[in-house]
Amino acid sequence: MRFGFEFYIREDVFGVRLWNWYRRLFYVKPNYDRDIWHAFGFAYGERALHLRWGKFTKVIWMPWDYGANIRNEVQNENGEFVPASDVLEGIARRALIKAGVDRTLLWGLKIPDGRKMYESPYRYVRRNGEVQERTAKYFIEEREWRWRIFHPFPIGPKKIQRSISIEFDAEVGEGSGSWKGGCVGCGYEMLPGETPEQTLRRMEKERKFSR
């Protein structure tokens, strides 16, 4: 829930919003050139202050927001954490562009990071009773965030999250086969002392993929 106070125009309604409580004040003449939602006021949530004036929004992030991702690593076959492919590719792209290589030639650049891959069966039961038997391929990744105020220096409070990143061989969840589609990949945070397999089994029990 956000804290905030805003006047808003949505389609043909003028109203007021306080936190997540909305109240229609009166109808206004429809304007199809106007965006669906215009707001005037402010809102605070998710460690950011949103200032709104019509279709314009200014977002001011709080200095204590863990918005600076300074490390993205994967676990390799030796059990060590090493920079992930996207990190290596970003470093290589910047170096090649600086050397004069046309950036359009770098699309699709892939650099392997030696991550250790796991594969396990995964079972999901939909609300209608259908049982989905899938194969999950996954690996361990670890990310570290710091407060924005200290970026780009790796100092100050930090947040570290270790998780498994999963890819299914077919859609999973309530949206499978529909226009919206099911889940084909996701992540799940690991608990201290858990193995990747144990995390996957816990997700199998806890997680529901709704539409």
Protein backbone atom coordinates (compact mmCIF):
# COMPACT_ATOMS: atom_id res chain seq x y z
CA MET A 1 0.00 0.00 0.00
CA ARG A 2 1.25 3.49 -0.85
CA PHE A 3 0.92 6.69 1.09
CA GLY A 4 -0.27 9.53 -1.09
CA PHE A 5 -2.93 12.03 -2.05
CA GLU A 6 -3.95 12.61 -5.66
CA PHE A 7 -6.72 13.98 -7.79
CA TYR A 8 -7.19 11.87 -10.88
CA ILE A 9 -9.01 11.84 -14.18
CA ARG A 10 -9.72 8.41 -15.55
CA GLU A 11 -11.65 8.18 -18.82
CA ASP A 12 -14.73 10.30 -17.92
CA VAL A 13 -14.42 10.35 -14.11
CA PHE A 14 -12.80 12.93 -11.85
CA GLY A 15 -11.97 11.64 -8.39
CA VAL A 16 -9.66 11.66 -5.41
CA ARG A 17 -7.24 9.01 -4.17
CA LEU A 18 -5.99 8.71 -0.58
CA TRP A 19 -3.65 5.78 -0.02
CA ASN A 20 -5.44 3.00 -1.95
CA TRP A 21 -8.91 4.46 -1.33
CA TYR A 22 -10.62 5.97 -4.37
CA ARG A 23 -13.67 8.24 -4.44
CA ARG A 24 -15.45 9.45 -7.56
CA LEU A 25 -16.36 13.15 -7.30
CA PHE A 26 -18.10 13.79 -10.60
CA TYR A 27 -18.13 12.92 -14.28
CA VAL A 28 -16.20 14.95 -16.82
CA LYS A 29 -16.50 15.23 -20.57
CA PRO A 30 -14.66 12.33 -22.22
CA ASN A 31 -11.49 13.32 -24.02
CA TYR A 32 -10.13 10.56 -26.22
CA ASP A 33 -6.90 12.45 -26.82
CA ARG A 34 -6.18 12.25 -23.10
CA ASP A 35 -4.29 9.33 -21.58
CA ILE A 36 -6.45 6.81 -19.74
CA TRP A 37 -5.15 8.08 -16.38
CA HIS A 38 -4.08 11.59 -15.44
CA ALA A 39 -3.19 12.39 -11.84
CA PHE A 40 -2.29 15.50 -9.84
CA GLY A 41 -0.59 15.07 -6.48
CA PHE A 42 1.97 12.82 -4.89
CA ALA A 43 2.42 9.23 -3.78
CA TYR A 44 5.11 7.45 -1.82
CA GLY A 45 5.78 3.75 -2.15
CA GLU A 46 8.47 1.21 -2.94
CA ARG A 47 11.14 3.57 -1.56
CA ALA A 48 10.33 6.32 -4.07
CA LEU A 49 8.37 9.59 -4.10
CA HIS A 50 6.16 10.02 -7.19
CA LEU A 51 5.17 13.61 -8.08
CA ARG A 52 2.40 13.80 -10.68
CA TRP A 53 1.07 16.60 -12.81
CA GLY A 54 -1.26 15.39 -15.53
CA LYS A 55 0.57 12.88 -17.67
CA PHE A 56 3.94 13.92 -16.26
CA THR A 57 5.56 12.03 -13.39
CA LYS A 58 8.78 12.72 -11.52
CA VAL A 59 10.22 9.83 -9.52
CA ILE A 60 12.61 10.67 -6.67
CA TRP A 61 14.30 7.59 -5.26
CA MET A 62 15.10 7.55 -1.57
CA PRO A 63 18.83 7.29 -0.73
CA TRP A 64 18.19 4.20 1.41
CA ASP A 65 16.74 2.26 -1.53
CA TYR A 66 18.69 -0.88 -2.45
CA GLY A 67 18.62 0.17 -6.10
CA ALA A 68 22.29 -0.24 -7.00
CA ASN A 69 22.97 -3.77 -8.22
CA ILE A 70 26.74 -4.12 -7.98
CA ARG A 71 27.18 -7.87 -8.30
CA ASN A 72 25.54 -10.60 -10.36
CA GLU A 73 27.29 -13.96 -10.14
CA VAL A 74 26.55 -17.62 -10.85
CA GLN A 75 27.94 -20.76 -9.24
CA ASN A 76 30.24 -22.79 -11.47
CA GLU A 77 31.16 -26.48 -11.46
CA ASN A 78 33.79 -25.88 -8.77
CA GLY A 79 31.26 -24.31 -6.41
CA GLU A 80 32.75 -20.83 -6.90
CA PHE A 81 30.76 -17.71 -7.72
CA VAL A 82 31.88 -16.01 -10.93
CA PRO A 83 30.49 -13.08 -12.99
CA ALA A 84 27.36 -14.04 -14.94
CA SER A 85 27.19 -14.01 -18.74
CA ASP A 86 25.34 -10.70 -18.96
CA VAL A 87 28.07 -9.03 -16.88
CA LEU A 88 30.83 -10.45 -19.08
CA GLU A 89 28.94 -9.49 -22.24
CA GLY A 90 28.43 -5.93 -20.99
CA ILE A 91 32.15 -5.53 -20.29
CA ALA A 92 33.05 -6.95 -23.70
CA ARG A 93 30.53 -4.74 -25.53
CA ARG A 94 31.78 -1.56 -23.92
CA ALA A 95 35.40 -2.46 -24.72
CA LEU A 96 34.62 -3.31 -28.36
CA ILE A 97 32.53 -0.18 -28.90
CA LYS A 98 35.33 1.91 -27.40
CA ALA A 99 37.71 0.21 -29.85
CA GLY A 100 35.51 1.33 -32.74
CA VAL A 101 33.43 -1.77 -33.45
CA ASP A 102 29.94 -1.02 -34.78
CA ARG A 103 27.50 -1.75 -31.94
CA THR A 104 25.03 -3.34 -34.39
CA LEU A 105 27.58 -6.13 -34.98
CA LEU A 106 27.48 -6.99 -31.28
CA TRP A 107 23.84 -8.00 -31.11
CA GLY A 108 23.52 -11.56 -29.92
CA LEU A 109 26.95 -11.56 -28.29
CA LYS A 110 27.12 -14.60 -26.00
CA ILE A 111 29.90 -15.33 -23.51
CA PRO A 112 29.59 -18.53 -21.43
CA ASP A 113 30.14 -18.18 -17.70
CA GLY A 114 30.61 -21.88 -16.81
CA ARG A 115 27.51 -22.03 -14.61
CA LYS A 116 26.60 -25.42 -13.16
CA MET A 117 23.23 -26.56 -14.49
CA TYR A 118 20.78 -28.82 -12.66
CA GLU A 119 17.81 -30.70 -14.08
CA SER A 120 14.85 -32.12 -12.14
CA PRO A 121 11.22 -33.10 -12.72
CA TYR A 122 8.64 -30.53 -11.61
CA ARG A 123 4.99 -31.19 -10.82
CA TYR A 124 2.25 -28.55 -10.73
CA VAL A 125 -1.45 -29.12 -10.03
CA ARG A 126 -3.83 -26.57 -11.54
CA ARG A 127 -7.04 -25.48 -9.82
CA ASN A 128 -9.07 -27.61 -12.24
CA GLY A 129 -7.16 -30.70 -11.12
CA GLU A 130 -4.94 -31.01 -14.18
CA VAL A 131 -1.47 -32.28 -13.30
CA GLN A 132 1.40 -30.73 -15.23
CA GLU A 133 4.59 -32.77 -15.36
CA ARG A 134 7.52 -30.62 -16.45
CA THR A 135 11.30 -30.67 -16.56
CA ALA A 136 13.05 -27.80 -14.77
CA LYS A 137 16.55 -26.71 -15.67
CA TYR A 138 18.12 -24.34 -13.14
CA PHE A 139 21.29 -22.83 -11.72
CA ILE A 140 22.35 -20.87 -8.64
CA GLU A 141 22.83 -17.13 -8.85
CA GLU A 142 23.78 -14.55 -6.26
CA ARG A 143 23.10 -10.81 -6.46
CA GLU A 144 24.24 -7.96 -4.25
CA TRP A 145 22.62 -4.54 -3.90
CA ARG A 146 23.79 -1.36 -2.16
CA TRP A 147 22.05 1.85 -1.23
CA ARG A 148 21.70 4.21 -4.21
CA ILE A 149 23.32 7.08 -2.32
CA PHE A 150 26.70 5.30 -2.33
CA HIS A 151 26.63 4.08 -5.95
CA PRO A 152 28.98 3.33 -7.73
CA PHE A 153 31.13 2.66 -4.66
CA PRO A 154 30.67 -0.76 -2.95
CA ILE A 155 30.24 0.72 0.52
CA GLY A 156 27.39 1.10 2.98
CA PRO A 157 24.50 -1.24 3.83
CA LYS A 158 24.06 -4.15 1.47
CA LYS A 159 21.52 -6.81 0.57
CA ILE A 160 22.61 -10.20 -0.80
CA GLN A 161 20.19 -12.67 -2.29
CA ARG A 162 20.98 -16.22 -3.41
CA SER A 163 18.38 -17.93 -5.55
CA ILE A 164 17.81 -20.52 -8.24
CA SER A 165 16.96 -19.35 -11.74
CA ILE A 166 14.61 -21.82 -13.43
CA GLU A 167 13.53 -22.57 -16.99
CA PHE A 168 10.71 -25.03 -17.72
CA ASP A 169 10.44 -27.14 -20.85
CA ALA A 170 6.76 -26.11 -21.25
CA GLU A 171 4.26 -23.64 -19.78
CA VAL A 172 3.35 -24.01 -16.10
CA GLY A 173 0.39 -22.58 -14.21
CA GLU A 174 -3.20 -21.48 -14.52
CA GLY A 175 -2.61 -19.51 -17.72
CA SER A 176 -1.16 -22.45 -19.66
CA GLY A 177 -2.66 -22.75 -23.12
CA SER A 178 -4.52 -19.42 -22.90
CA TRP A 179 -3.83 -16.12 -24.67
CA LYS A 180 -1.93 -14.95 -21.60
CA GLY A 181 0.17 -18.08 -21.35
CA GLY A 182 1.77 -19.84 -18.42
CA CYS A 183 5.14 -19.43 -16.75
CA VAL A 184 8.19 -20.65 -18.68
CA GLY A 185 10.85 -19.33 -16.33
CA CYS A 186 11.23 -17.79 -12.87
CA GLY A 187 13.47 -17.45 -9.84
CA TYR A 188 13.07 -18.54 -6.22
CA GLU A 189 15.10 -17.40 -3.23
CA MET A 190 17.14 -20.03 -1.41
CA LEU A 191 17.07 -20.40 2.36
CA PRO A 192 20.33 -20.76 4.34
CA GLY A 193 21.65 -24.32 4.12
CA GLU A 194 19.34 -25.37 1.29
CA THR A 195 20.51 -27.26 -1.77
CA PRO A 196 19.16 -26.21 -5.18
CA GLU A 197 16.99 -29.34 -5.28
CA GLN A 198 15.51 -28.54 -1.85
CA THR A 199 14.68 -25.00 -2.96
CA LEU A 200 12.94 -26.33 -6.06
CA ARG A 201 10.87 -28.78 -4.00
CA ARG A 202 9.88 -26.02 -1.59
CA MET A 203 8.80 -23.85 -4.52
CA GLU A 204 6.83 -26.81 -5.86
CA LYS A 205 4.82 -26.83 -2.61
CA GLU A 206 4.54 -23.09 -2.02
CA ARG A 207 4.27 -21.33 -5.35
CA LYS A 208 1.10 -20.85 -7.38
CA PHE A 209 1.27 -19.48 -10.91
CA SER A 210 -1.98 -17.55 -11.35
CA ARG A 211 -3.10 -15.80 -14.53
